[in-house]
């Protein structure tokens, strides 16, 4: 789907900031837009994700400045990136961060790689060359072993930065019929699904007004499993209150004997739906409610959205999650890592200050993880590194 100039111009609330790509054979112009127009526009993007929503970012990172930037080529919007300007301590500079951006409006565009290169060039010219900031880009996981976007960043002169301890994303193929989908699941996962279907469970879609039921289930689960919660769960109320139906996540429940025992919140926009949060009661485990829940979510997404893939997220180092998600991905899905952060600076000082800031942040996060491991009231990550590497 193209987003034309005529369709967008009538709603613009800020004047355009333009620039030309410097190293790509394709030329784009850039345009800063209002937060409201940003969310409304990217709802039509194939590569839209919750981290790039202003509604999400303003609640997750309220202390940073957000700059929603669209990219134009040939009279249509071809992509965009919500840029976050993070000041460094002691006013030593700032970082310009694109988390899972820039996004493409059309994932199947015949000039996809050229457009990506032009968008990166435009960001580098604006933030690194002109404003003397360190530009930090985190592409999303690829669907193939070769991540063309990350490769382009390395070829463009970006430097490898921070990376996740367990970077794999587990991604289910949504475009299969029921029989083919079930055949794709690994044998043990299929066995547990069969058992769950004989346990008297029921699946239901729920309106956003029932979020309170999920919250109660979620809090109880965290207390029971002792998982350290470093997620962005505080953003859920704002996301569920969004008026845009495309961007508003969906809520699902599983019942047993009339009682809700499992639930999930799913981001469904774009070509890649994402599992955001899940919760189960203690009674859900012997009934294998998680298998029943995800099987029915897969079918619902296939039948009610244009999404081609269902991203289950990562494991945070827990072997049980690795086994569960790997079995669901099965033979038709993919398991691929989120690449490391890619950093670029045109001048020595933003490079020095930015690298120092990332080193300090990574050190603090490592210390927090070690503290979590030492606490008796926290579950201990137990996924072996070879499991993560074998899954790639």
Protein backbone atom coordinates (compact mmCIF):
# COMPACT_ATOMS: atom_id res chain seq x y z
CA UNK A 1 0.00 0.00 0.00
CA UNK A 2 1.38 3.43 -0.89
CA UNK A 3 0.85 6.51 1.24
CA UNK A 4 0.44 9.39 -1.20
CA UNK A 5 1.34 13.03 -0.79
CA UNK A 6 -2.27 14.14 -1.28
CA UNK A 7 -3.53 11.80 1.41
CA UNK A 8 -1.01 12.97 3.98
CA UNK A 9 -0.52 16.67 3.30
CA UNK A 10 -3.94 17.70 4.55
CA UNK A 11 -3.14 16.44 8.05
CA UNK A 12 0.40 17.76 8.48
CA UNK A 13 0.91 19.83 11.59
CA UNK A 14 4.63 20.55 11.32
CA UNK A 15 6.69 21.86 8.42
CA UNK A 16 8.95 19.47 6.56
CA UNK A 17 12.63 19.12 7.29
CA UNK A 18 14.25 17.89 4.11
CA UNK A 19 17.55 16.29 3.25
CA UNK A 20 18.99 14.11 0.52
CA UNK A 21 20.63 10.72 0.87
CA UNK A 22 24.38 10.92 0.23
CA UNK A 23 25.60 7.39 -0.52
CA UNK A 24 22.63 5.63 -2.05
CA UNK A 25 21.69 5.74 -5.72
CA UNK A 26 18.12 6.39 -4.59
CA UNK A 27 17.09 9.75 -3.11
CA UNK A 28 14.72 10.31 -0.19
CA UNK A 29 13.55 13.40 1.64
CA UNK A 30 12.81 13.52 5.35
CA UNK A 31 9.90 15.07 7.19
CA UNK A 32 9.24 15.55 10.88
CA UNK A 33 5.57 15.16 11.77
CA UNK A 34 3.40 15.41 14.85
CA UNK A 35 3.19 12.40 17.20
CA UNK A 36 -0.49 11.90 16.41
CA UNK A 37 0.08 11.89 12.66
CA UNK A 38 3.09 9.61 13.12
CA UNK A 39 1.16 6.81 14.82
CA UNK A 40 -1.70 7.16 12.34
CA UNK A 41 0.66 6.98 9.34
CA UNK A 42 2.82 4.05 10.42
CA UNK A 43 -0.28 1.99 11.18
CA UNK A 44 -0.20 1.28 7.42
CA UNK A 45 3.46 0.19 7.40
CA UNK A 46 4.35 -3.48 6.87
CA UNK A 47 7.24 -3.13 9.34
CA UNK A 48 5.38 -1.24 12.07
CA UNK A 49 6.23 -2.39 15.60
CA UNK A 50 5.24 -1.25 19.06
CA UNK A 51 8.68 0.17 19.90
CA UNK A 52 8.27 2.65 17.04
CA UNK A 53 4.89 3.91 18.26
CA UNK A 54 4.95 7.33 19.91
CA UNK A 55 2.21 6.11 22.25
CA UNK A 56 4.57 3.39 23.45
CA UNK A 57 7.80 5.39 23.47
CA UNK A 58 6.52 8.37 25.45
CA UNK A 59 5.49 6.02 28.27
CA UNK A 60 8.52 3.74 28.07
CA UNK A 61 11.16 6.48 27.72
CA UNK A 62 9.52 9.70 28.99
CA UNK A 63 12.81 11.53 29.62
CA UNK A 64 14.02 11.50 26.01
CA UNK A 65 13.03 13.75 23.12
CA UNK A 66 11.06 11.98 20.37
CA UNK A 67 11.35 13.00 16.72
CA UNK A 68 8.96 11.14 14.36
CA UNK A 69 10.57 11.22 10.91
CA UNK A 70 8.98 10.09 7.63
CA UNK A 71 10.90 9.33 4.43
CA UNK A 72 9.51 10.22 1.01
CA UNK A 73 10.40 8.98 -2.47
CA UNK A 74 8.51 9.41 -5.72
CA UNK A 75 5.56 11.17 -4.12
CA UNK A 76 4.87 8.55 -1.45
CA UNK A 77 5.99 7.69 2.07
CA UNK A 78 8.39 4.76 1.82
CA UNK A 79 9.46 4.51 5.45
CA UNK A 80 9.96 6.18 8.78
CA UNK A 81 11.83 6.14 12.05
CA UNK A 82 10.89 7.39 15.50
CA UNK A 83 14.17 8.92 16.61
CA UNK A 84 14.86 9.21 20.32
CA UNK A 85 17.35 11.87 21.42
CA UNK A 86 18.96 10.72 24.67
CA UNK A 87 21.06 13.36 26.48
CA UNK A 88 24.34 12.11 27.94
CA UNK A 89 25.41 12.90 31.53
CA UNK A 90 27.07 16.24 32.30
CA UNK A 91 25.84 17.65 28.98
CA UNK A 92 28.62 15.84 27.12
CA UNK A 93 26.40 15.21 24.11
CA UNK A 94 23.48 13.04 23.08
CA UNK A 95 22.57 9.83 21.31
CA UNK A 96 20.13 9.59 18.40
CA UNK A 97 18.53 6.16 18.76
CA UNK A 98 16.43 4.23 16.22
CA UNK A 99 15.14 1.09 17.93
CA UNK A 100 13.86 -1.31 15.23
CA UNK A 101 13.97 1.51 12.76
CA UNK A 102 13.99 2.82 10.17
CA UNK A 103 10.89 0.88 9.10
CA UNK A 104 9.82 0.21 5.53
CA UNK A 105 6.28 1.02 4.48
CA UNK A 106 6.30 -1.96 2.09
CA UNK A 107 8.30 -5.02 3.02
CA UNK A 108 8.06 -6.30 -0.57
CA UNK A 109 9.10 -3.05 -2.30
CA UNK A 110 11.27 -3.88 -5.36
CA UNK A 111 13.81 -1.27 -4.20
CA UNK A 112 13.71 -2.26 -0.54
CA UNK A 113 17.46 -2.36 0.07
CA UNK A 114 18.05 0.88 -1.83
CA UNK A 115 15.35 2.58 0.23
CA UNK A 116 16.88 1.30 3.46
CA UNK A 117 20.29 2.58 2.43
CA UNK A 118 18.86 5.98 1.54
CA UNK A 119 17.06 6.24 4.88
CA UNK A 120 20.25 5.38 6.77
CA UNK A 121 22.21 7.93 4.75
CA UNK A 122 19.63 10.61 5.55
CA UNK A 123 19.78 9.79 9.27
CA UNK A 124 23.57 9.85 9.25
CA UNK A 125 23.65 13.20 7.45
CA UNK A 126 21.17 14.79 9.84
CA UNK A 127 22.12 13.38 13.23
CA UNK A 128 25.80 12.44 12.85
CA UNK A 129 27.13 14.95 10.30
CA UNK A 130 25.08 18.08 11.01
CA UNK A 131 24.11 17.69 14.66
CA UNK A 132 27.24 15.84 15.78
CA UNK A 133 25.43 13.08 17.67
CA UNK A 134 26.16 9.39 17.82
CA UNK A 135 23.57 7.58 15.68
CA UNK A 136 22.55 4.22 17.15
CA UNK A 137 20.45 1.81 15.04
CA UNK A 138 18.96 -1.54 16.07
CA UNK A 139 17.47 -3.47 13.12
CA UNK A 140 14.86 -6.13 13.74
CA UNK A 141 15.59 -9.83 13.42
CA UNK A 142 15.75 -11.09 9.85
CA UNK A 143 13.67 -13.98 8.54
CA UNK A 144 16.79 -15.50 6.99
CA UNK A 145 20.30 -16.24 8.32
CA UNK A 146 21.63 -13.23 6.41
CA UNK A 147 20.48 -9.90 7.87
CA UNK A 148 20.77 -7.54 4.90
CA UNK A 149 20.01 -4.43 6.96
CA UNK A 150 22.70 -5.12 9.54
CA UNK A 151 25.15 -6.03 6.79
CA UNK A 152 24.43 -2.68 5.11
CA UNK A 153 25.13 -0.83 8.37
CA UNK A 154 28.49 -2.56 8.75
CA UNK A 155 29.36 -1.80 5.12
CA UNK A 156 28.25 1.81 5.64
CA UNK A 157 30.84 2.30 8.39
CA UNK A 158 28.75 1.67 11.51
CA UNK A 159 30.50 -0.04 14.44
CA UNK A 160 29.22 -3.12 16.24
CA UNK A 161 27.81 -2.16 19.63
CA UNK A 162 25.87 -3.75 22.48
CA UNK A 163 24.12 -7.08 22.00
CA UNK A 164 21.60 -9.16 23.92
CA UNK A 165 22.76 -12.13 25.97
CA UNK A 166 20.07 -14.31 24.39
CA UNK A 167 19.23 -12.53 21.12
CA UNK A 168 17.14 -15.17 19.32
CA UNK A 169 13.57 -14.37 18.27
CA UNK A 170 11.19 -17.26 17.71
CA UNK A 171 8.92 -16.57 14.73
CA UNK A 172 5.93 -18.67 13.63
CA UNK A 173 4.70 -18.86 10.02
CA UNK A 174 1.05 -17.73 10.03
CA UNK A 175 0.17 -18.53 6.43
CA UNK A 176 -0.54 -22.24 6.82
CA UNK A 177 -3.78 -24.19 6.98
CA UNK A 178 -4.70 -25.98 10.20
CA UNK A 179 -3.39 -29.38 9.14
CA UNK A 180 -0.15 -27.99 7.75
CA UNK A 181 0.37 -25.80 10.83
CA UNK A 182 -0.09 -28.69 13.23
CA UNK A 183 2.27 -30.84 11.18
CA UNK A 184 4.88 -28.07 11.44
CA UNK A 185 4.92 -28.14 15.26
CA UNK A 186 7.60 -30.30 16.79
CA UNK A 187 6.31 -33.67 17.99
CA UNK A 188 6.29 -32.95 21.72
CA UNK A 189 4.58 -29.58 21.21
CA UNK A 190 1.90 -31.26 19.08
CA UNK A 191 1.45 -33.94 21.77
CA UNK A 192 0.79 -31.33 24.47
CA UNK A 193 -1.61 -29.45 22.16
CA UNK A 194 -3.60 -32.64 21.59
CA UNK A 195 -3.82 -33.15 25.36
CA UNK A 196 -4.98 -29.56 25.91
CA UNK A 197 -7.82 -29.98 23.44
CA UNK A 198 -9.25 -32.78 25.57
CA UNK A 199 -9.12 -30.77 28.81
CA UNK A 200 -12.37 -28.83 28.37
CA UNK A 201 -10.73 -25.48 27.64
CA UNK A 202 -12.36 -22.60 25.75
CA UNK A 203 -10.70 -19.71 23.89
CA UNK A 204 -12.08 -16.19 23.61
CA UNK A 205 -11.22 -12.77 22.24
CA UNK A 206 -11.81 -10.03 24.81
CA UNK A 207 -12.34 -6.25 24.52
CA UNK A 208 -9.77 -3.84 25.98
CA UNK A 209 -12.20 -3.06 28.82
CA UNK A 210 -11.29 -6.43 30.35
CA UNK A 211 -7.61 -5.55 30.76
CA UNK A 212 -8.03 -5.60 34.54
CA UNK A 213 -8.61 -9.37 34.44
CA UNK A 214 -5.33 -9.85 32.61
CA UNK A 215 -3.45 -7.57 35.01
CA UNK A 216 -4.59 -9.59 38.01
CA UNK A 217 -3.52 -12.82 36.29
CA UNK A 218 -0.17 -11.31 35.29
CA UNK A 219 0.71 -10.08 38.77
CA UNK A 220 -0.19 -13.43 40.31
CA UNK A 221 1.97 -15.25 37.76
CA UNK A 222 5.02 -13.05 38.44
CA UNK A 223 4.72 -13.74 42.16
CA UNK A 224 4.43 -17.47 41.55
CA UNK A 225 7.19 -17.92 38.97
CA UNK A 226 9.55 -15.35 40.51
CA UNK A 227 10.50 -13.97 37.11
CA UNK A 228 12.33 -10.61 37.23
CA UNK A 229 10.14 -8.23 35.23
CA UNK A 230 12.30 -5.86 33.16
CA UNK A 231 9.61 -5.49 30.51
CA UNK A 232 7.69 -2.43 29.39
CA UNK A 233 4.47 -3.59 31.01
CA UNK A 234 3.77 -0.06 32.29
CA UNK A 235 2.99 0.92 28.67
CA UNK A 236 0.11 -1.55 28.32
CA UNK A 237 -2.75 0.69 29.57
CA UNK A 238 -1.87 3.43 27.05
CA UNK A 239 -1.58 0.92 24.20
CA UNK A 240 -4.88 -0.72 25.04
CA UNK A 241 -6.56 2.70 25.19
CA UNK A 242 -5.52 3.64 21.64
CA UNK A 243 -8.39 4.67 19.40
CA UNK A 244 -6.65 3.27 16.32
CA UNK A 245 -7.94 -0.28 16.02
CA UNK A 246 -5.05 -1.37 13.82
CA UNK A 247 -2.45 -0.39 16.40
CA UNK A 248 -4.36 -1.34 19.53
CA UNK A 249 -3.19 -4.76 20.78
CA UNK A 250 -5.65 -7.63 21.09
CA UNK A 251 -6.54 -9.45 24.31
CA UNK A 252 -7.25 -13.18 24.51
CA UNK A 253 -8.26 -15.52 27.33
CA UNK A 254 -8.57 -19.25 27.98
CA UNK A 255 -11.17 -20.53 30.42
CA UNK A 256 -11.63 -23.79 32.30
CA UNK A 257 -14.92 -24.48 34.05
CA UNK A 258 -15.84 -20.85 33.45
CA UNK A 259 -12.71 -19.46 35.15
CA UNK A 260 -10.02 -17.50 33.28
CA UNK A 261 -6.73 -19.40 33.67
CA UNK A 262 -4.57 -17.95 30.86
CA UNK A 263 -4.34 -14.81 28.76
CA UNK A 264 -2.21 -12.96 26.22
CA UNK A 265 -1.76 -9.49 24.75
CA UNK A 266 -0.82 -9.47 21.06
CA UNK A 267 0.39 -6.63 18.81
CA UNK A 268 -1.18 -7.43 15.43
CA UNK A 269 -0.32 -4.56 13.05
CA UNK A 270 1.98 -4.97 10.05
CA UNK A 271 3.38 -8.13 8.54
CA UNK A 272 4.73 -9.43 11.85
CA UNK A 273 2.37 -9.84 14.80
CA UNK A 274 4.14 -9.88 18.18
CA UNK A 275 3.46 -11.69 21.43
CA UNK A 276 3.75 -8.92 24.01
CA UNK A 277 2.64 -10.43 27.32
CA UNK A 278 1.20 -13.68 28.60
CA UNK A 279 -0.10 -14.81 31.95
CA UNK A 280 -1.29 -18.09 33.44
CA UNK A 281 -2.86 -19.27 36.67
CA UNK A 282 -1.30 -22.16 38.60
CA UNK A 283 -4.04 -24.48 37.35
CA UNK A 284 -3.11 -23.78 33.73
CA UNK A 285 0.05 -25.91 33.67
CA UNK A 286 -1.45 -29.40 34.10
CA UNK A 287 -4.18 -28.47 31.61
CA UNK A 288 -1.52 -27.32 29.09
CA UNK A 289 -3.44 -24.08 28.63
CA UNK A 290 -0.47 -22.28 27.07
CA UNK A 291 -0.48 -24.66 24.10
CA UNK A 292 -4.21 -24.23 23.63
CA UNK A 293 -3.92 -20.44 23.92
CA UNK A 294 -1.18 -20.02 21.33
CA UNK A 295 -2.69 -22.49 18.87
CA UNK A 296 -5.88 -20.48 18.81
CA UNK A 297 -4.02 -17.14 18.65
CA UNK A 298 -2.15 -18.40 15.58
CA UNK A 299 -5.44 -19.30 13.89
CA UNK A 300 -7.07 -16.00 14.90
CA UNK A 301 -4.17 -13.95 13.52
CA UNK A 302 -4.19 -15.94 10.28
CA UNK A 303 -7.93 -15.44 9.77
CA UNK A 304 -8.31 -11.85 11.03
CA UNK A 305 -5.11 -9.98 10.10
CA UNK A 306 -2.77 -9.66 7.09
CA UNK A 307 0.22 -10.65 9.27
CA UNK A 308 2.45 -13.31 7.76
CA UNK A 309 4.49 -14.04 10.87
CA UNK A 310 3.97 -14.31 14.63
CA UNK A 311 7.00 -13.16 16.65
CA UNK A 312 7.07 -14.89 20.04
CA UNK A 313 9.93 -12.78 21.36
CA UNK A 314 12.94 -14.19 23.19
CA UNK A 315 13.61 -16.33 26.24
CA UNK A 316 15.61 -14.13 28.65
CA UNK A 317 17.78 -17.20 29.19
CA UNK A 318 15.07 -19.58 30.46
CA UNK A 319 15.35 -23.09 29.00
CA UNK A 320 11.65 -23.86 29.46
CA UNK A 321 10.68 -20.89 27.28
CA UNK A 322 13.25 -21.94 24.70
CA UNK A 323 11.75 -25.44 24.47
CA UNK A 324 8.16 -24.17 24.35
CA UNK A 325 8.80 -21.54 21.67
CA UNK A 326 11.10 -23.73 19.60
CA UNK A 327 8.40 -26.41 19.46
CA UNK A 328 5.80 -23.89 18.34
CA UNK A 329 8.05 -22.40 15.65
CA UNK A 330 8.43 -25.92 14.35
CA UNK A 331 9.61 -26.71 10.86
CA UNK A 332 7.85 -23.88 9.00
CA UNK A 333 8.96 -20.98 11.20
CA UNK A 334 12.33 -19.38 11.83
CA UNK A 335 14.60 -18.70 14.79
CA UNK A 336 16.93 -15.78 14.11
CA UNK A 337 18.81 -13.34 16.35
CA UNK A 338 18.26 -9.66 16.85
CA UNK A 339 21.59 -8.22 15.61
CA UNK A 340 23.86 -6.12 17.81
CA UNK A 341 23.31 -2.38 17.97
CA UNK A 342 25.10 -0.49 15.17
CA UNK A 343 26.67 2.88 16.07
CA UNK A 344 27.93 5.68 13.85
CA UNK A 345 29.57 9.02 14.57
CA UNK A 346 31.13 11.48 12.10
CA UNK A 347 33.29 13.19 14.73
CA UNK A 348 35.63 11.88 17.43
CA UNK A 349 33.93 13.41 20.47
CA UNK A 350 30.40 11.96 19.94
CA UNK A 351 32.05 8.62 19.20
CA UNK A 352 34.03 8.73 22.45
CA UNK A 353 31.15 10.01 24.59
CA UNK A 354 28.63 7.64 23.03
CA UNK A 355 30.84 4.58 23.48
CA UNK A 356 31.51 5.56 27.09
CA UNK A 357 27.77 5.95 27.73
CA UNK A 358 26.99 2.53 26.22
CA UNK A 359 29.80 0.92 28.22
CA UNK A 360 28.42 2.42 31.45
CA UNK A 361 24.87 1.35 30.63
CA UNK A 362 25.90 -2.20 29.74
CA UNK A 363 27.93 -2.46 32.95
CA UNK A 364 24.96 -1.36 35.06
CA UNK A 365 22.64 -3.83 33.30
CA UNK A 366 25.13 -6.66 33.78
CA UNK A 367 25.32 -5.83 37.49
CA UNK A 368 21.51 -5.87 37.75
CA UNK A 369 21.39 -9.31 36.09
CA UNK A 370 23.99 -10.63 38.52
CA UNK A 371 21.99 -9.28 41.46
CA UNK A 372 18.86 -10.99 40.10
CA UNK A 373 20.77 -14.29 39.91
CA UNK A 374 21.87 -13.98 43.54
CA UNK A 375 18.42 -13.17 44.92
CA UNK A 376 16.60 -16.12 46.44
CA UNK A 377 13.24 -14.67 45.39
CA UNK A 378 14.11 -14.67 41.67
CA UNK A 379 14.00 -17.46 39.10
CA UNK A 380 17.45 -18.27 37.71
CA UNK A 381 18.07 -18.24 33.93
CA UNK A 382 19.06 -21.77 32.93
CA UNK A 383 19.26 -21.79 29.12
CA UNK A 384 22.62 -23.02 27.90
CA UNK A 385 24.50 -20.95 25.36
CA UNK A 386 24.73 -23.93 23.02
CA UNK A 387 20.91 -24.11 22.94
CA UNK A 388 20.75 -20.50 21.77
CA UNK A 389 23.50 -21.02 19.19
CA UNK A 390 21.95 -24.24 17.86
CA UNK A 391 18.65 -22.45 17.34
CA UNK A 392 20.18 -19.78 15.09
